[in-house]
Amino acid sequence: MKLTIERAQLLKSLAHVQSVVERRNTIPILSNVKLEGRPGSLSLNATDMDLDIVETVAADVARPGATTAPAHTFYEIVRKLPEGSQVELEYQAEDGQLTLRSGRSKFSLACLPVEDFPVLSGGELPHTFVLSAAELKTLIDRTRFAISTEETRYYLNGIYLHGAAGPNGDVLRAAATDGHRLARVEITLPEGAAGLPGVIVPRKAVNEIRKLIDETEAEITVSLSETKLRFAFGDAVLTSKLIDGTFPDYERVIPADNDKILDVDVESFAKAVDRVSAISTEKSRAIKLALEKGTVTLSASSPESGSAVEEIEAQFEATPLEIGFNSRYLLDILSQVEGDTARFAMADAASPTVVRDLADASAIYVLMPMRV
């Protein structure tokens, strides 16, 4: 294999694929990126056996061929080359090394046989539909903060994607929960998504696809089966295994008849929560809200730091109520509210609270209160 490629092009694609590669690997080939030169293009492929990414980039290929090279080392070299430089890659099967030349620099990287590289990305996936980049960003951003990081509850370590019947027709729903909070968002069911199986997309796949779609406005083709999911757009294809587990019936924990309604200005409320929480203990991050007609009084105290109190105006007409929340969870939810007003619907100090964005009915959040 012999080819020439512009550094910026190579660096961008390498940055995408190398982030899938784990830093520590017991299987040596999984530390490598597969490079395949074809007429006019270079294809880069990396996998951790659960997640696989293939990205194709334009290159001047003098001699087609394929090899694998250490992903992180290769990325670091290209990253440190001067901007605007041309990179020449050459692989000779006889010496088993990839030679990288750029300007006066020359590097030789030890390669592993391309035959050893696992294939995860092939195969037909029966359900296929198309999402815009904006729709996929919405589904991910409004829910991923609630994904559980507790490995023992592995079925909560991702976003649950499924079709459902909404009040105005069928919808595609994304939901995530860690037991303390829940986020659910929906969009109109895309064409071709009817009969979709409910699938749990792992956290790592969610984070990788989110990074990739930051740089694109292209439409994303989503294909999935009971065990695999594939996102394809532009020059990149990301394939992931799905979490093999049953997502809980989360609809049961969304209260329907919470009657104590609090409407707050999102910006001023979030800033007040942030200020008062500076005093709360690192472990619990608890803050207390005392709700009275027209006002919310936020307070926090800790034996080490002292106490804080702040009052803000709000719309509240029900009987007075005191309720405690984890301030970080509260701020995570408020950061997803795009409108000016957030609506909290509460029953009492011990029951789940429902939070909605008054400017966007598609998203709903549930937050468990804390004792303070």
Protein backbone atom coordinates (compact mmCIF):
# COMPACT_ATOMS: atom_id res chain seq x y z
CA MET A 1 0.00 0.00 0.00
CA LYS A 2 1.25 3.46 -0.85
CA LEU A 3 -0.69 6.71 -0.70
CA THR A 4 -0.51 10.46 -0.07
CA ILE A 5 -3.09 12.32 1.98
CA GLU A 6 -3.52 15.80 3.42
CA ARG A 7 -2.76 15.94 7.15
CA ALA A 8 -6.01 17.76 8.11
CA GLN A 9 -8.13 15.14 6.34
CA LEU A 10 -6.27 12.25 7.93
CA LEU A 11 -6.28 13.84 11.40
CA LYS A 12 -10.03 14.45 11.39
CA SER A 13 -10.84 10.85 10.48
CA LEU A 14 -8.21 9.43 12.82
CA ALA A 15 -9.61 11.48 15.70
CA HIS A 16 -13.00 9.90 15.12
CA VAL A 17 -11.87 6.29 14.88
CA GLN A 18 -9.14 6.24 17.55
CA SER A 19 -11.54 7.34 20.29
CA VAL A 20 -13.29 3.96 19.97
CA VAL A 21 -10.01 2.15 20.76
CA GLU A 22 -9.61 1.29 24.44
CA ARG A 23 -6.34 2.43 26.08
CA ARG A 24 -5.74 -0.99 27.61
CA ASN A 25 -6.31 -4.08 25.52
CA THR A 26 -5.67 -7.74 26.26
CA ILE A 27 -6.11 -8.48 22.54
CA PRO A 28 -3.27 -6.64 20.68
CA ILE A 29 -5.14 -6.25 17.35
CA LEU A 30 -7.84 -4.17 19.10
CA SER A 31 -5.23 -1.46 19.80
CA ASN A 32 -4.82 -1.00 16.05
CA VAL A 33 -6.66 0.87 13.36
CA LYS A 34 -7.19 -0.90 10.05
CA LEU A 35 -6.05 1.15 7.04
CA GLU A 36 -7.24 0.20 3.60
CA GLY A 37 -6.12 2.11 0.51
CA ARG A 38 -8.42 1.86 -2.52
CA PRO A 39 -8.30 3.93 -5.70
CA GLY A 40 -9.04 7.52 -4.61
CA SER A 41 -9.70 6.81 -0.93
CA LEU A 42 -8.36 5.59 2.40
CA SER A 43 -10.69 3.71 4.74
CA LEU A 44 -9.98 3.72 8.51
CA ASN A 45 -11.62 1.13 10.77
CA ALA A 46 -11.42 0.72 14.57
CA THR A 47 -13.35 -1.52 16.98
CA ASP A 48 -13.55 -2.62 20.61
CA MET A 49 -15.70 -5.66 19.67
CA ASP A 50 -18.87 -3.90 20.87
CA LEU A 51 -18.54 -0.77 18.76
CA ASP A 52 -17.11 -0.45 15.26
CA ILE A 53 -16.44 2.66 13.20
CA VAL A 54 -15.42 2.92 9.55
CA GLU A 55 -14.61 6.27 7.99
CA THR A 56 -13.55 6.90 4.41
CA VAL A 57 -11.46 9.87 3.35
CA ALA A 58 -10.12 11.04 -0.04
CA ALA A 59 -6.49 10.11 -0.73
CA ASP A 60 -4.12 9.84 -3.68
CA VAL A 61 -3.52 6.07 -3.70
CA ALA A 62 -0.54 4.95 -5.78
CA ARG A 63 -0.69 1.31 -4.68
CA PRO A 64 -3.86 -0.17 -3.08
CA GLY A 65 -3.47 -2.42 -0.05
CA ALA A 66 -4.29 -2.81 3.64
CA THR A 67 -2.61 -3.05 7.03
CA THR A 68 -3.23 -2.23 10.71
CA ALA A 69 -1.25 0.28 12.81
CA PRO A 70 -1.29 1.27 16.52
CA ALA A 71 -4.22 3.70 16.68
CA HIS A 72 -3.19 6.06 19.48
CA THR A 73 0.47 6.30 18.41
CA PHE A 74 -0.53 6.92 14.78
CA TYR A 75 -2.98 9.64 15.89
CA GLU A 76 -0.38 11.36 18.11
CA ILE A 77 2.16 11.45 15.25
CA VAL A 78 -0.31 12.94 12.76
CA ARG A 79 -1.56 15.43 15.37
CA LYS A 80 1.97 16.74 15.91
CA LEU A 81 2.82 17.17 12.22
CA PRO A 82 2.82 20.75 10.87
CA GLU A 83 -0.49 22.15 9.63
CA GLY A 84 -1.02 22.00 5.88
CA SER A 85 1.54 19.22 5.38
CA GLN A 86 1.14 16.21 3.12
CA VAL A 87 1.48 12.75 4.64
CA GLU A 88 2.84 9.80 2.69
CA LEU A 89 1.97 6.33 3.99
CA GLU A 90 3.70 3.24 2.68
CA TYR A 91 3.35 -0.36 3.81
CA GLN A 92 5.68 -3.12 2.69
CA ALA A 93 4.48 -6.62 3.54
CA GLU A 94 8.09 -7.89 3.65
CA ASP A 95 9.18 -5.84 6.66
CA GLY A 96 5.70 -5.60 8.26
CA GLN A 97 6.08 -1.87 8.92
CA LEU A 98 4.08 1.20 8.02
CA THR A 99 6.35 4.09 7.00
CA LEU A 100 4.98 7.61 7.46
CA ARG A 101 6.79 10.49 5.77
CA SER A 102 5.98 14.18 6.01
CA GLY A 103 8.43 16.92 5.12
CA ARG A 104 11.69 15.91 6.80
CA SER A 105 10.00 13.60 9.31
CA LYS A 106 9.93 9.84 8.95
CA PHE A 107 8.27 7.32 11.28
CA SER A 108 8.07 3.54 11.14
CA LEU A 109 5.23 1.78 12.93
CA ALA A 110 5.02 -1.93 13.67
CA CYS A 111 1.93 -3.46 12.05
CA LEU A 112 -0.20 -6.50 12.82
CA PRO A 113 -1.70 -8.75 10.09
CA VAL A 114 -4.86 -7.31 8.57
CA GLU A 115 -6.39 -10.83 8.55
CA ASP A 116 -6.50 -10.73 12.38
CA PHE A 117 -8.68 -7.62 12.44
CA PRO A 118 -12.26 -8.50 13.53
CA VAL A 119 -15.21 -7.69 11.28
CA LEU A 120 -18.23 -6.28 13.08
CA SER A 121 -19.74 -3.89 10.57
CA GLY A 122 -21.21 -6.17 7.88
CA GLY A 123 -24.58 -7.90 7.69
CA GLU A 124 -28.11 -6.82 6.86
CA LEU A 125 -30.19 -5.06 9.51
CA PRO A 126 -33.95 -5.35 8.86
CA HIS A 127 -35.25 -1.99 10.16
CA THR A 128 -34.03 1.15 8.39
CA PHE A 129 -35.15 4.76 8.70
CA VAL A 130 -33.67 8.24 8.26
CA LEU A 131 -33.22 10.97 10.90
CA SER A 132 -31.92 14.50 10.47
CA ALA A 133 -28.80 15.41 12.46
CA ALA A 134 -30.94 17.83 14.52
CA GLU A 135 -33.45 15.11 15.43
CA LEU A 136 -30.75 12.70 16.53
CA LYS A 137 -29.02 15.43 18.57
CA THR A 138 -32.34 16.14 20.31
CA LEU A 139 -32.93 12.47 21.15
CA ILE A 140 -29.41 12.13 22.57
CA ASP A 141 -28.89 15.49 24.32
CA ARG A 142 -32.22 15.52 26.15
CA THR A 143 -31.74 12.02 27.59
CA ARG A 144 -28.10 10.99 27.91
CA PHE A 145 -27.44 12.90 31.14
CA ALA A 146 -29.83 10.46 32.87
CA ILE A 147 -28.02 7.28 31.71
CA SER A 148 -26.95 5.18 34.69
CA THR A 149 -23.24 4.59 35.28
CA GLU A 150 -23.90 1.74 37.69
CA GLU A 151 -22.47 -1.31 35.92
CA THR A 152 -24.54 -3.78 37.97
CA ARG A 153 -27.73 -2.38 36.43
CA TYR A 154 -26.33 -2.82 32.93
CA TYR A 155 -29.77 -2.52 31.29
CA LEU A 156 -29.84 1.15 32.40
CA ASN A 157 -26.39 1.90 30.87
CA GLY A 158 -27.85 3.30 27.66
CA ILE A 159 -30.71 5.08 25.91
CA TYR A 160 -33.88 3.07 25.30
CA LEU A 161 -35.11 3.74 21.75
CA HIS A 162 -38.58 2.50 20.80
CA GLY A 163 -41.76 3.27 18.91
CA ALA A 164 -44.85 4.35 20.89
CA ALA A 165 -48.33 5.76 20.35
CA GLY A 166 -48.43 9.48 21.11
CA PRO A 167 -51.50 11.72 21.48
CA ASN A 168 -51.07 13.00 17.89
CA GLY A 169 -49.89 9.81 16.20
CA ASP A 170 -46.98 7.39 16.42
CA VAL A 171 -43.68 8.63 17.82
CA LEU A 172 -40.07 7.52 18.19
CA ARG A 173 -39.15 7.77 21.86
CA ALA A 174 -35.80 7.92 23.62
CA ALA A 175 -35.68 7.34 27.38
CA ALA A 176 -32.94 7.06 30.00
CA THR A 177 -32.99 6.68 33.76
CA ASP A 178 -30.58 5.99 36.61
CA GLY A 179 -33.27 5.42 39.24
CA HIS A 180 -32.98 8.99 40.58
CA ARG A 181 -34.14 10.84 37.48
CA LEU A 182 -35.71 10.00 34.16
CA ALA A 183 -35.63 11.78 30.82
CA ARG A 184 -37.97 11.02 27.94
CA VAL A 185 -38.15 12.78 24.58
CA GLU A 186 -40.04 11.97 21.40
CA ILE A 187 -40.15 12.89 17.73
CA THR A 188 -42.63 11.96 15.01
CA LEU A 189 -42.06 8.34 13.99
CA PRO A 190 -39.85 8.40 10.87
CA GLU A 191 -40.92 6.57 7.73
CA GLY A 192 -39.78 2.93 7.87
CA ALA A 193 -39.57 2.84 11.67
CA ALA A 194 -42.95 1.14 12.21
CA GLY A 195 -42.66 -2.21 13.96
CA LEU A 196 -39.33 -1.21 15.44
CA PRO A 197 -38.08 -3.44 18.28
CA GLY A 198 -37.32 -1.57 21.53
CA VAL A 199 -33.51 -1.41 21.80
CA ILE A 200 -31.02 -0.14 24.40
CA VAL A 201 -28.16 1.81 22.79
CA PRO A 202 -25.01 1.60 24.98
CA ARG A 203 -23.55 4.77 26.52
CA LYS A 204 -20.27 4.54 24.59
CA ALA A 205 -22.10 4.28 21.25
CA VAL A 206 -24.30 7.23 22.23
CA ASN A 207 -21.24 9.38 23.05
CA GLU A 208 -19.33 8.42 19.89
CA ILE A 209 -22.24 9.08 17.51
CA ARG A 210 -22.90 12.40 19.29
CA LYS A 211 -19.29 13.48 18.62
CA LEU A 212 -19.59 12.49 14.96
CA ILE A 213 -22.85 14.32 14.26
CA ASP A 214 -21.49 17.55 15.72
CA GLU A 215 -19.69 18.12 12.44
CA THR A 216 -22.44 17.16 10.02
CA GLU A 217 -25.74 18.47 8.73
CA ALA A 218 -26.24 15.33 6.64
CA GLU A 219 -29.16 12.99 7.12
CA ILE A 220 -28.37 9.88 9.16
CA THR A 221 -29.53 6.45 8.07
CA VAL A 222 -30.30 4.31 11.11
CA SER A 223 -30.50 0.53 10.65
CA LEU A 224 -31.11 -1.93 13.42
CA SER A 225 -31.91 -5.48 14.40
CA GLU A 226 -32.57 -7.05 17.82
CA THR A 227 -28.82 -7.14 18.54
CA LYS A 228 -27.12 -4.47 16.40
CA LEU A 229 -27.54 -0.83 15.45
CA ARG A 230 -25.87 1.09 12.64
CA PHE A 231 -25.64 4.84 11.96
CA ALA A 232 -24.47 5.78 8.46
CA PHE A 233 -23.92 9.32 7.15
CA GLY A 234 -21.45 11.10 4.92
CA ASP A 235 -18.23 9.09 4.94
CA ALA A 236 -18.72 7.41 8.33
CA VAL A 237 -20.47 4.24 9.46
CA LEU A 238 -20.79 3.42 13.16
CA THR A 239 -22.02 -0.05 14.17
CA SER A 240 -22.74 -1.03 17.76
CA LYS A 241 -23.93 -4.08 19.61
CA LEU A 242 -27.03 -3.38 21.68
CA ILE A 243 -27.41 -3.98 25.42
CA ASP A 244 -28.96 -7.40 25.89
CA GLY A 245 -31.46 -6.70 28.65
CA THR A 246 -34.97 -5.47 29.38
CA PHE A 247 -35.49 -1.77 30.01
CA PRO A 248 -37.93 -1.20 32.89
CA ASP A 249 -41.50 -0.03 32.28
CA TYR A 250 -40.58 3.60 32.90
CA GLU A 251 -44.05 4.96 32.04
CA ARG A 252 -45.26 3.68 35.42
CA VAL A 253 -43.01 6.10 37.32
CA ILE A 254 -44.25 9.20 35.47
CA PRO A 255 -46.98 10.60 37.76
CA ALA A 256 -50.09 11.82 35.95
CA ASP A 257 -51.90 13.70 38.72
CA ASN A 258 -49.32 15.89 40.47
CA ASP A 259 -51.35 19.01 41.26
CA LYS A 260 -48.92 21.45 42.90
CA ILE A 261 -47.63 23.51 39.98
CA LEU A 262 -44.53 25.70 40.10
CA ASP A 263 -43.52 27.80 37.08
CA VAL A 264 -40.02 29.33 37.21
CA ASP A 265 -37.86 31.41 34.92
CA VAL A 266 -35.24 28.87 33.84
CA GLU A 267 -32.23 31.16 33.74
CA SER A 268 -32.70 32.89 37.11
CA PHE A 269 -33.73 29.62 38.81
CA ALA A 270 -30.73 27.69 37.44
CA LYS A 271 -28.34 30.44 38.55
CA ALA A 272 -29.87 30.50 42.03
CA VAL A 273 -29.62 26.68 42.31
CA ASP A 274 -26.00 26.87 41.20
CA ARG A 275 -25.12 29.59 43.72
CA VAL A 276 -26.86 27.98 46.70
CA SER A 277 -25.46 24.52 45.87
CA ALA A 278 -21.92 25.85 46.36
CA ILE A 279 -22.48 25.34 50.07
CA SER A 280 -24.09 21.87 49.90
CA THR A 281 -22.02 18.83 50.84
CA GLU A 282 -20.03 17.27 48.00
CA LYS A 283 -21.63 13.88 48.56
CA SER A 284 -25.35 14.63 48.64
CA ARG A 285 -25.43 18.00 46.79
CA ALA A 286 -28.79 18.53 48.48
CA ILE A 287 -30.71 21.80 48.33
CA LYS A 288 -34.12 22.57 49.80
CA LEU A 289 -36.90 24.47 48.05
CA ALA A 290 -39.52 26.16 50.22
CA LEU A 291 -42.49 26.99 47.99
CA GLU A 292 -44.98 29.69 48.92
CA LYS A 293 -47.35 31.86 46.94
CA GLY A 294 -45.26 33.83 44.43
CA THR A 295 -41.84 32.79 45.74
CA VAL A 296 -39.34 29.94 46.04
CA THR A 297 -36.73 30.05 48.80
CA LEU A 298 -33.67 27.93 48.05
CA SER A 299 -31.44 26.87 50.92
CA ALA A 300 -28.51 24.58 51.63
CA SER A 301 -26.35 23.90 54.63
CA SER A 302 -23.40 21.72 55.52
CA PRO A 303 -21.49 21.27 58.79
CA GLU A 304 -18.20 22.14 57.04
CA SER A 305 -19.21 25.12 54.89
CA GLY A 306 -22.08 26.93 56.58
CA SER A 307 -25.41 27.81 54.99
CA ALA A 308 -26.94 29.66 52.04
CA VAL A 309 -30.41 31.07 51.34
CA GLU A 310 -31.77 32.77 48.23
CA GLU A 311 -35.30 33.80 47.32
CA ILE A 312 -36.61 34.17 43.79
CA GLU A 313 -39.99 35.06 42.31
CA ALA A 314 -42.04 32.23 40.87
CA GLN A 315 -45.60 31.30 40.02
CA PHE A 316 -46.99 29.03 42.73
CA GLU A 317 -50.58 29.07 43.98
CA ALA A 318 -50.86 25.78 45.92
CA THR A 319 -50.48 25.13 49.65
CA PRO A 320 -46.90 25.76 50.88
CA LEU A 321 -44.48 22.89 50.38
CA GLU A 322 -40.89 22.09 51.30
CA ILE A 323 -39.03 19.66 49.02
CA GLY A 324 -35.38 18.69 48.57
CA PHE A 325 -33.45 17.80 45.41
CA ASN A 326 -29.96 16.86 44.30
CA SER A 327 -28.79 20.19 42.86
CA ARG A 328 -26.68 18.57 40.12
CA TYR A 329 -29.64 16.52 38.86
CA LEU A 330 -31.78 19.66 38.92
CA LEU A 331 -29.20 21.63 36.89
CA ASP A 332 -28.84 18.75 34.38
CA ILE A 333 -32.57 18.94 33.67
CA LEU A 334 -32.72 22.76 33.59
CA SER A 335 -29.86 22.82 31.07
CA GLN A 336 -32.09 20.89 28.62
CA VAL A 337 -35.00 23.33 28.88
CA GLU A 338 -34.85 25.55 25.80
CA GLY A 339 -37.82 27.79 26.60
CA ASP A 340 -37.88 30.57 29.21
CA THR A 341 -40.13 28.74 31.65
CA ALA A 342 -39.87 25.35 33.34
CA ARG A 343 -42.93 23.79 34.96
CA PHE A 344 -42.55 21.58 38.04
CA ALA A 345 -45.57 19.41 38.93
CA MET A 346 -45.37 18.02 42.48
CA ALA A 347 -47.58 15.96 44.76
CA ASP A 348 -45.65 16.07 48.04
CA ALA A 349 -42.10 16.07 49.44
CA ALA A 350 -41.60 12.31 48.91
CA SER A 351 -43.17 11.64 45.49
CA PRO A 352 -41.56 11.99 42.04
CA THR A 353 -41.66 15.50 40.54
CA VAL A 354 -42.40 16.01 36.84
CA VAL A 355 -40.50 18.77 35.00
CA ARG A 356 -41.55 20.09 31.60
CA ASP A 357 -40.32 22.68 29.15
CA LEU A 358 -43.31 24.91 28.43
CA ALA A 359 -41.85 25.71 25.00
CA ASP A 360 -41.44 22.05 24.01
CA ALA A 361 -44.04 19.41 24.82
CA SER A 362 -41.92 16.57 23.35
CA ALA A 363 -39.68 16.24 26.42
CA ILE A 364 -40.59 15.18 29.95
CA TYR A 365 -38.32 14.76 32.97
CA VAL A 366 -38.97 13.04 36.30
CA LEU A 367 -36.87 13.76 39.39
CA MET A 368 -36.96 11.92 42.71
CA PRO A 369 -36.86 14.27 45.71
CA MET A 370 -34.34 13.94 48.58
CA ARG A 371 -34.72 14.24 52.29
CA VAL A 372 -33.05 17.42 53.52
